[in-house]
Amino acid sequence: MKYHDYHILRYIVDCVSNEITFDIGYPYSPSVPEEKIVFSDVVGYSFQDALGSIILDIQEIDLKYFVETHASKFQKSFHLNGIPKFWKEDVSETMRELSEKKVWKIESSIGFDGYVVASKISQPEPDGGPNPVPLRSTG
């Protein structure tokens, strides 16, 4: 998968199809085509971003560790705001809810930090072909 040092040009959160799509590119080399990274069957995400973000890594991390580490923050946020929607009463209930999901941590060299909880991540061919390429887990 190509993404290291690519710039996040835009991202789209599609609440109807439960997909998040990142359009990425390398603006310093116009000959390099824009590409996409697509998260499918998304149940939760959180991004802190800034214009001009550059991707460092997208890494699958251990779901149980992720839920346990953020449990108190998720519980408080859920009771105040109803998010994240995947949060249940406790870690074990949440893990049952997320049994078929994975979590990816997105880090940047500049300006972006976040996670996506979804079923799948893929990178469609730059020409928009119908067969997305599954991404290898680096975690």
N, C-alpha and C. Protein backbone atom coordinates (compact mmCIF):
# COMPACT_ATOMS: atom_id res chain seq x y z
N MET A 1 0.84 -1.18 0.00
CA MET A 1 0.00 0.00 0.00
C MET A 1 0.89 1.24 0.00
N LYS A 2 0.50 2.20 -0.78
CA LYS A 2 1.24 3.45 -0.84
C LYS A 2 0.48 4.50 -0.04
N TYR A 3 1.11 5.05 0.96
CA TYR A 3 0.50 6.16 1.69
C TYR A 3 1.52 6.97 2.47
N HIS A 4 2.66 6.38 2.84
CA HIS A 4 3.67 7.08 3.65
C HIS A 4 4.13 8.34 2.91
N ASP A 5 4.07 9.47 3.58
CA ASP A 5 4.44 10.78 3.06
C ASP A 5 3.44 11.36 2.06
N TYR A 6 2.34 10.64 1.83
CA TYR A 6 1.29 11.22 0.99
C TYR A 6 0.52 12.24 1.81
N HIS A 7 0.00 13.24 1.16
CA HIS A 7 -0.79 14.27 1.81
C HIS A 7 -2.26 13.85 1.78
N ILE A 8 -2.96 14.16 2.88
CA ILE A 8 -4.40 13.95 2.89
C ILE A 8 -5.01 15.15 2.17
N LEU A 9 -5.55 14.89 1.00
CA LEU A 9 -6.13 15.96 0.19
C LEU A 9 -7.55 16.27 0.65
N ARG A 10 -8.27 15.21 1.02
CA ARG A 10 -9.63 15.35 1.53
C ARG A 10 -10.06 14.01 2.10
N TYR A 11 -11.06 14.04 2.97
CA TYR A 11 -11.68 12.78 3.39
C TYR A 11 -13.17 12.98 3.44
N ILE A 12 -13.86 11.88 3.18
CA ILE A 12 -15.31 11.90 3.14
C ILE A 12 -15.83 10.87 4.12
N VAL A 13 -16.72 11.30 5.00
CA VAL A 13 -17.41 10.39 5.92
C VAL A 13 -18.81 10.20 5.35
N ASP A 14 -19.09 9.01 4.85
CA ASP A 14 -20.38 8.71 4.24
C ASP A 14 -21.21 7.93 5.25
N CYS A 15 -22.16 8.62 5.87
CA CYS A 15 -22.98 8.01 6.92
C CYS A 15 -24.05 7.06 6.37
N VAL A 16 -24.33 7.14 5.08
CA VAL A 16 -25.30 6.24 4.46
C VAL A 16 -24.67 4.88 4.19
N SER A 17 -23.47 4.89 3.59
CA SER A 17 -22.81 3.63 3.26
C SER A 17 -21.85 3.15 4.35
N ASN A 18 -21.70 3.93 5.42
CA ASN A 18 -20.77 3.61 6.51
C ASN A 18 -19.34 3.41 5.99
N GLU A 19 -18.90 4.34 5.14
CA GLU A 19 -17.55 4.32 4.61
C GLU A 19 -16.85 5.64 4.88
N ILE A 20 -15.55 5.55 5.07
CA ILE A 20 -14.70 6.73 5.12
C ILE A 20 -13.66 6.58 4.03
N THR A 21 -13.57 7.59 3.19
CA THR A 21 -12.62 7.58 2.08
C THR A 21 -11.63 8.72 2.23
N PHE A 22 -10.36 8.38 2.19
CA PHE A 22 -9.30 9.38 2.17
C PHE A 22 -8.79 9.49 0.74
N ASP A 23 -8.79 10.69 0.20
CA ASP A 23 -8.12 10.96 -1.07
C ASP A 23 -6.73 11.46 -0.70
N ILE A 24 -5.73 10.77 -1.22
CA ILE A 24 -4.35 11.11 -0.88
C ILE A 24 -3.57 11.40 -2.16
N GLY A 25 -2.55 12.19 -2.03
CA GLY A 25 -1.73 12.51 -3.19
C GLY A 25 -0.37 13.02 -2.77
N TYR A 26 0.44 13.23 -3.77
CA TYR A 26 1.78 13.72 -3.55
C TYR A 26 1.94 14.99 -4.39
N PRO A 27 1.56 16.14 -3.85
CA PRO A 27 1.50 17.36 -4.63
C PRO A 27 2.83 17.86 -5.18
N TYR A 28 3.94 17.36 -4.65
CA TYR A 28 5.25 17.81 -5.13
C TYR A 28 5.64 17.13 -6.43
N SER A 29 4.88 16.11 -6.81
CA SER A 29 5.16 15.39 -8.04
C SER A 29 3.85 15.20 -8.79
N PRO A 30 3.52 16.11 -9.70
CA PRO A 30 2.24 16.02 -10.41
C PRO A 30 2.06 14.73 -11.21
N SER A 31 3.14 14.02 -11.51
CA SER A 31 3.02 12.78 -12.27
C SER A 31 2.50 11.62 -11.42
N VAL A 32 2.52 11.78 -10.10
CA VAL A 32 2.01 10.74 -9.20
C VAL A 32 0.49 10.91 -9.07
N PRO A 33 -0.29 9.89 -9.47
CA PRO A 33 -1.75 10.05 -9.43
C PRO A 33 -2.29 10.07 -8.00
N GLU A 34 -3.42 10.74 -7.82
CA GLU A 34 -4.11 10.69 -6.53
C GLU A 34 -4.58 9.25 -6.30
N GLU A 35 -4.64 8.86 -5.04
CA GLU A 35 -5.09 7.53 -4.67
C GLU A 35 -6.14 7.64 -3.59
N LYS A 36 -6.74 6.52 -3.25
CA LYS A 36 -7.78 6.47 -2.22
C LYS A 36 -7.46 5.39 -1.20
N ILE A 37 -7.88 5.63 0.01
CA ILE A 37 -7.89 4.61 1.05
C ILE A 37 -9.33 4.58 1.56
N VAL A 38 -9.94 3.39 1.57
CA VAL A 38 -11.35 3.26 1.92
C VAL A 38 -11.51 2.34 3.13
N PHE A 39 -12.19 2.83 4.14
CA PHE A 39 -12.59 2.03 5.30
C PHE A 39 -14.06 1.67 5.10
N SER A 40 -14.38 0.38 5.19
CA SER A 40 -15.75 -0.09 4.95
C SER A 40 -16.39 -0.62 6.23
N ASP A 41 -17.70 -0.49 6.29
CA ASP A 41 -18.49 -0.96 7.43
C ASP A 41 -18.00 -0.28 8.73
N VAL A 42 -17.86 1.03 8.67
CA VAL A 42 -17.35 1.83 9.78
C VAL A 42 -18.40 1.93 10.88
N VAL A 43 -17.97 1.71 12.13
CA VAL A 43 -18.87 1.88 13.28
C VAL A 43 -18.40 2.99 14.21
N GLY A 44 -17.20 3.51 13.98
CA GLY A 44 -16.71 4.60 14.81
C GLY A 44 -15.40 5.14 14.29
N TYR A 45 -15.15 6.40 14.60
CA TYR A 45 -13.88 7.03 14.22
C TYR A 45 -13.70 8.28 15.06
N SER A 46 -12.48 8.74 15.10
CA SER A 46 -12.17 10.01 15.72
C SER A 46 -10.95 10.56 15.01
N PHE A 47 -11.04 11.82 14.57
CA PHE A 47 -9.93 12.47 13.90
C PHE A 47 -9.64 13.81 14.55
N GLN A 48 -8.37 14.09 14.71
CA GLN A 48 -7.90 15.44 15.00
C GLN A 48 -7.07 15.80 13.78
N ASP A 49 -7.48 16.83 13.09
CA ASP A 49 -6.79 17.11 11.84
C ASP A 49 -6.50 18.59 11.66
N ALA A 50 -5.68 18.82 10.67
CA ALA A 50 -5.33 20.18 10.29
C ALA A 50 -5.10 20.18 8.79
N LEU A 51 -5.33 21.31 8.18
CA LEU A 51 -5.05 21.40 6.74
C LEU A 51 -3.58 21.11 6.50
N GLY A 52 -3.31 20.37 5.45
CA GLY A 52 -1.93 20.08 5.10
C GLY A 52 -1.35 18.86 5.80
N SER A 53 -2.20 17.92 6.23
CA SER A 53 -1.72 16.74 6.94
C SER A 53 -0.96 15.80 6.00
N ILE A 54 0.09 15.19 6.54
CA ILE A 54 0.90 14.23 5.80
C ILE A 54 0.89 12.91 6.57
N ILE A 55 0.54 11.82 5.89
CA ILE A 55 0.41 10.51 6.55
C ILE A 55 1.78 9.92 6.87
N LEU A 56 1.93 9.47 8.09
CA LEU A 56 3.12 8.73 8.51
C LEU A 56 2.83 7.23 8.45
N ASP A 57 1.71 6.79 9.07
CA ASP A 57 1.42 5.36 9.11
C ASP A 57 -0.06 5.13 9.36
N ILE A 58 -0.56 4.04 8.83
CA ILE A 58 -1.89 3.52 9.16
C ILE A 58 -1.65 2.10 9.61
N GLN A 59 -1.94 1.84 10.87
CA GLN A 59 -1.57 0.56 11.45
C GLN A 59 -2.74 -0.06 12.19
N GLU A 60 -3.01 -1.33 11.91
CA GLU A 60 -4.02 -2.04 12.69
C GLU A 60 -3.45 -2.29 14.08
N ILE A 61 -4.26 -1.97 15.09
CA ILE A 61 -3.83 -2.20 16.46
C ILE A 61 -4.79 -3.17 17.13
N ASP A 62 -4.39 -3.72 18.24
CA ASP A 62 -5.20 -4.71 18.94
C ASP A 62 -6.49 -4.07 19.47
N LEU A 63 -7.60 -4.65 19.07
CA LEU A 63 -8.90 -4.08 19.42
C LEU A 63 -9.15 -4.08 20.93
N LYS A 64 -8.84 -5.18 21.60
CA LYS A 64 -9.09 -5.24 23.04
C LYS A 64 -8.24 -4.21 23.79
N TYR A 65 -6.99 -4.09 23.41
CA TYR A 65 -6.12 -3.08 24.02
C TYR A 65 -6.68 -1.69 23.80
N PHE A 66 -7.12 -1.42 22.58
CA PHE A 66 -7.70 -0.13 22.23
C PHE A 66 -8.92 0.18 23.10
N VAL A 67 -9.84 -0.76 23.21
CA VAL A 67 -11.06 -0.55 23.99
C VAL A 67 -10.73 -0.37 25.48
N GLU A 68 -9.87 -1.23 26.01
CA GLU A 68 -9.50 -1.13 27.43
C GLU A 68 -8.79 0.19 27.72
N THR A 69 -7.91 0.61 26.85
CA THR A 69 -7.14 1.84 27.06
C THR A 69 -8.03 3.07 27.06
N HIS A 70 -9.08 3.05 26.24
CA HIS A 70 -9.94 4.22 26.11
C HIS A 70 -11.29 4.08 26.83
N ALA A 71 -11.46 3.03 27.60
CA ALA A 71 -12.76 2.73 28.22
C ALA A 71 -13.32 3.89 29.02
N SER A 72 -12.55 4.50 29.90
CA SER A 72 -13.11 5.57 30.74
C SER A 72 -13.48 6.79 29.89
N LYS A 73 -12.67 7.10 28.89
CA LYS A 73 -12.97 8.22 27.99
C LYS A 73 -14.24 7.91 27.18
N PHE A 74 -14.34 6.68 26.66
CA PHE A 74 -15.52 6.29 25.88
C PHE A 74 -16.78 6.34 26.74
N GLN A 75 -16.68 5.81 27.96
CA GLN A 75 -17.85 5.78 28.84
C GLN A 75 -18.34 7.20 29.15
N LYS A 76 -17.42 8.07 29.49
CA LYS A 76 -17.79 9.46 29.80
C LYS A 76 -18.39 10.15 28.57
N SER A 77 -17.75 10.01 27.44
CA SER A 77 -18.23 10.64 26.21
C SER A 77 -19.58 10.09 25.79
N PHE A 78 -19.77 8.78 25.96
CA PHE A 78 -21.05 8.17 25.58
C PHE A 78 -22.19 8.72 26.44
N HIS A 79 -21.94 8.85 27.73
CA HIS A 79 -22.98 9.36 28.62
C HIS A 79 -23.27 10.84 28.39
N LEU A 80 -22.25 11.60 27.99
CA LEU A 80 -22.45 13.03 27.73
C LEU A 80 -23.01 13.31 26.33
N ASN A 81 -22.51 12.57 25.32
CA ASN A 81 -22.81 12.91 23.93
C ASN A 81 -23.36 11.77 23.07
N GLY A 82 -23.39 10.54 23.62
CA GLY A 82 -23.86 9.41 22.83
C GLY A 82 -22.83 8.89 21.84
N ILE A 83 -21.57 9.28 22.01
CA ILE A 83 -20.51 8.78 21.15
C ILE A 83 -19.35 8.26 21.99
N PRO A 84 -18.66 7.27 21.54
CA PRO A 84 -18.86 6.55 20.29
C PRO A 84 -20.07 5.62 20.38
N LYS A 85 -20.77 5.49 19.26
CA LYS A 85 -21.99 4.69 19.24
C LYS A 85 -21.73 3.22 19.52
N PHE A 86 -20.52 2.76 19.26
CA PHE A 86 -20.21 1.34 19.51
C PHE A 86 -20.02 1.03 20.99
N TRP A 87 -19.90 2.05 21.84
CA TRP A 87 -19.67 1.82 23.27
C TRP A 87 -20.93 1.23 23.91
N LYS A 88 -20.73 0.21 24.73
CA LYS A 88 -21.81 -0.39 25.52
C LYS A 88 -21.52 -0.11 26.99
N GLU A 89 -22.10 -0.81 27.87
CA GLU A 89 -21.96 -0.51 29.30
C GLU A 89 -20.55 -0.72 29.85
N ASP A 90 -19.80 -1.65 29.26
CA ASP A 90 -18.46 -1.93 29.77
C ASP A 90 -17.61 -2.52 28.66
N VAL A 91 -16.36 -2.85 28.98
CA VAL A 91 -15.42 -3.36 27.99
C VAL A 91 -15.90 -4.67 27.40
N SER A 92 -16.37 -5.60 28.22
CA SER A 92 -16.76 -6.91 27.68
C SER A 92 -17.96 -6.81 26.75
N GLU A 93 -18.95 -5.97 27.09
CA GLU A 93 -20.11 -5.77 26.20
C GLU A 93 -19.68 -5.10 24.90
N THR A 94 -18.77 -4.15 25.00
CA THR A 94 -18.28 -3.46 23.81
C THR A 94 -17.50 -4.43 22.92
N MET A 95 -16.69 -5.28 23.52
CA MET A 95 -15.94 -6.27 22.73
C MET A 95 -16.88 -7.23 22.01
N ARG A 96 -17.98 -7.61 22.65
CA ARG A 96 -18.97 -8.47 21.97
C ARG A 96 -19.57 -7.72 20.78
N GLU A 97 -19.87 -6.45 20.97
CA GLU A 97 -20.43 -5.62 19.90
C GLU A 97 -19.47 -5.50 18.72
N LEU A 98 -18.18 -5.44 19.02
CA LEU A 98 -17.16 -5.22 17.99
C LEU A 98 -16.45 -6.51 17.55
N SER A 99 -17.04 -7.64 17.84
CA SER A 99 -16.35 -8.92 17.60
C SER A 99 -15.87 -9.11 16.16
N GLU A 100 -16.55 -8.54 15.19
CA GLU A 100 -16.17 -8.69 13.79
C GLU A 100 -15.42 -7.46 13.25
N LYS A 101 -15.03 -6.55 14.11
CA LYS A 101 -14.41 -5.30 13.67
C LYS A 101 -12.92 -5.28 13.98
N LYS A 102 -12.26 -4.32 13.36
CA LYS A 102 -10.84 -4.06 13.59
C LYS A 102 -10.68 -2.56 13.84
N VAL A 103 -9.53 -2.19 14.36
CA VAL A 103 -9.27 -0.77 14.58
C VAL A 103 -7.92 -0.41 13.95
N TRP A 104 -7.91 0.72 13.26
CA TRP A 104 -6.70 1.23 12.64
C TRP A 104 -6.36 2.58 13.23
N LYS A 105 -5.11 2.75 13.60
CA LYS A 105 -4.58 4.01 14.10
C LYS A 105 -3.94 4.72 12.92
N ILE A 106 -4.30 5.98 12.74
CA ILE A 106 -3.74 6.78 11.67
C ILE A 106 -2.87 7.86 12.31
N GLU A 107 -1.61 7.86 11.93
CA GLU A 107 -0.68 8.85 12.45
C GLU A 107 -0.13 9.66 11.29
N SER A 108 0.30 10.86 11.60
CA SER A 108 0.85 11.69 10.54
C SER A 108 2.17 12.29 10.96
N SER A 109 2.91 12.68 9.95
CA SER A 109 4.14 13.44 10.19
C SER A 109 3.76 14.85 10.61
N ILE A 110 2.67 15.33 10.02
CA ILE A 110 2.21 16.70 10.29
C ILE A 110 0.69 16.71 10.34
N GLY A 111 0.10 17.14 11.44
CA GLY A 111 -1.27 17.60 11.48
C GLY A 111 -2.43 16.64 11.60
N PHE A 112 -2.25 15.35 11.77
CA PHE A 112 -3.40 14.46 11.80
C PHE A 112 -3.15 13.34 12.79
N ASP A 113 -4.20 12.95 13.50
CA ASP A 113 -4.13 11.82 14.42
C ASP A 113 -5.54 11.27 14.55
N GLY A 114 -5.68 9.96 14.59
CA GLY A 114 -7.01 9.42 14.76
C GLY A 114 -7.07 7.92 14.64
N TYR A 115 -8.31 7.42 14.68
CA TYR A 115 -8.55 6.00 14.55
C TYR A 115 -9.84 5.78 13.77
N VAL A 116 -9.95 4.58 13.21
CA VAL A 116 -11.18 4.14 12.55
C VAL A 116 -11.47 2.71 13.01
N VAL A 117 -12.71 2.46 13.43
CA VAL A 117 -13.17 1.11 13.77
C VAL A 117 -14.08 0.68 12.63
N ALA A 118 -13.70 -0.38 11.94
CA ALA A 118 -14.41 -0.80 10.74
C ALA A 118 -14.15 -2.29 10.49
N SER A 119 -14.76 -2.80 9.43
CA SER A 119 -14.53 -4.20 9.06
C SER A 119 -13.34 -4.37 8.13
N LYS A 120 -13.10 -3.37 7.28
CA LYS A 120 -12.11 -3.57 6.23
C LYS A 120 -11.50 -2.24 5.80
N ILE A 121 -10.25 -2.33 5.36
CA ILE A 121 -9.56 -1.20 4.74
C ILE A 121 -9.07 -1.69 3.38
N SER A 122 -9.19 -0.83 2.38
CA SER A 122 -8.72 -1.21 1.04
C SER A 122 -8.20 0.01 0.32
N GLN A 123 -7.50 -0.25 -0.76
CA GLN A 123 -6.98 0.82 -1.59
C GLN A 123 -7.34 0.50 -3.04
N PRO A 124 -8.43 1.12 -3.54
CA PRO A 124 -8.81 0.88 -4.93
C PRO A 124 -7.71 1.35 -5.88
N GLU A 125 -7.68 0.76 -7.04
CA GLU A 125 -6.73 1.17 -8.07
C GLU A 125 -6.94 2.65 -8.39
N PRO A 126 -5.88 3.38 -8.72
CA PRO A 126 -6.01 4.81 -9.00
C PRO A 126 -7.01 5.15 -10.10
N ASP A 127 -7.23 4.24 -11.04
CA ASP A 127 -8.19 4.52 -12.11
C ASP A 127 -9.63 4.33 -11.67
N GLY A 128 -9.83 4.00 -10.39
CA GLY A 128 -11.18 3.80 -9.88
C GLY A 128 -11.77 2.45 -10.22
N GLY A 129 -10.90 1.50 -10.58
CA GLY A 129 -11.37 0.16 -10.95
C GLY A 129 -12.21 -0.48 -9.87
N PRO A 130 -13.01 -1.49 -10.23
CA PRO A 130 -13.97 -2.07 -9.30
C PRO A 130 -13.38 -3.02 -8.27
N ASN A 131 -12.12 -3.40 -8.40
CA ASN A 131 -11.55 -4.40 -7.50
C ASN A 131 -10.58 -3.76 -6.52
N PRO A 132 -11.08 -3.37 -5.34
CA PRO A 132 -10.16 -2.76 -4.36
C PRO A 132 -9.15 -3.78 -3.86
N VAL A 133 -7.97 -3.31 -3.59
CA VAL A 133 -6.88 -4.15 -3.10
C VAL A 133 -6.89 -4.12 -1.58
N PRO A 134 -7.08 -5.27 -0.90
CA PRO A 134 -7.01 -5.26 0.57
C PRO A 134 -5.63 -4.83 1.03
N LEU A 135 -5.59 -4.07 2.10
CA LEU A 135 -4.31 -3.61 2.62
C LEU A 135 -3.78 -4.59 3.63
N ARG A 136 -2.49 -4.75 3.61
CA ARG A 136 -1.84 -5.63 4.58
C ARG A 136 -1.82 -4.95 5.93
N SER A 137 -1.99 -5.74 6.97
CA SER A 137 -1.87 -5.22 8.32
C SER A 137 -0.39 -5.08 8.65
N THR A 138 -0.03 -3.95 9.22
CA THR A 138 1.35 -3.76 9.65
C THR A 138 1.49 -3.99 11.15
N GLY A 139 0.37 -4.32 11.80
CA GLY A 139 0.40 -4.46 13.25
C GLY A 139 0.53 -5.86 13.71
